[in-house]
Amino acid sequence: MDNDTSEFLLWEFSNIWELQIMHVVLLLILYLMTVTWNLLIISAVVCDHHLHTPMYFFLMNLAMQDIGSVSVIIPKTLFNFLTDLRSISHSGCIAQVLFLLFFLSCNISLLTVMAYDRYFAICKPLHYEMIMNRKACAKIIAGVWTASLLNASLHTVFTFMTPFCSNSINQFFCEVPYLLKITCSELYVSEGFQIFSAMLAIGCFAFVIVSYVHVFSAVLRIPSVLGRKKAFSTCLPHLVVFFIFLFTSCLAYLRPTGDSESHPNFIITIMYSIIPSMLNPLIYSMRNKDIKVALSRLFGKKILFF
């Protein structure tokens, strides 16, 4: 494919109509569940003044980013199926890569910030309100979004800076490893930047681990059993979400990209691109009494799955 080619061809689910329907129905169900559950989290935090705290402010932003990340992928996939197309325009592919990387970068940055928040809430409670005030939280979120946009922009530029030898992507959306596989030359700059981003992710992982070593040390010193239980209930869901995101991201970028996509690889792709965004609100809400109470107040009755 030369530089002026205007579109890419995405992976076709199957030539068998029944399998196509199965794939599309699965994606549609996962998408609706993800958007619905995350919208419930956002609604609860926005409408209930009891949840206007730094922890729930960050959780609301995490829910927004989860909706964004799945919305970058699934609607286009469903549109292609309904219109019997496999193509995505060159500019559309660039936009998909940019926004997907942006939301994923926001995700890991925000999960790291949430560990920072838990550290001050539990280890330095007397200084917490002074440090994590509304102005500080707004600056942190602005910093997360700005740094994530910069990271995503640089990744996207380096990915599309050389021509491609093929316009066939063996994935059902534009993903960086599969795009690099069809370039005409070795993209050492892009691969080097990916290594740099991986090092930043490892740095975030180390920061979270160190923060929670201090947090759990402080929690174990709490004399009240009820106090320890409450502290663990706010920390463990965050750790679970963080490790799910880390594990599925490793699946995305450490597994080999084959020349032909298979149905097992489709399941793996679903696991890292959609499942974490769907599970995040469940992990937080199922063990969070404040969220349940807020949703009950908002809707006047118990919400299914919550």
Foldseek 3Di string as FASTA:
>chain_A
DFPPDWKFFEADQDPDPVSNVVVLVVLVVLLVLLLVLLVLLLCLCVVDPVNPFLLSVLVNVLSVLLNQLSVLANVVLNVCVVVVHRMDTPVSQLVSQLSNQLSLQLNLLSLLVSLVLLLCVQVPVVCNCVCRPPVNSVVSSVVSNVVSNVLSVVLSCLLSVAAFQHRYFQHSGNDSVSSCVGGPDHSPVNVVSVVVVVVVSVVSVVSSVVSVVSRVVSLVPDPDPVSSVVSCLSPVLSVVLNVQQVVLVCLVPVDDDDPHDDPVVVVSCCSNRRVSSSCSSLSNVVSDPSSQVSSCVVVVHGDPSD
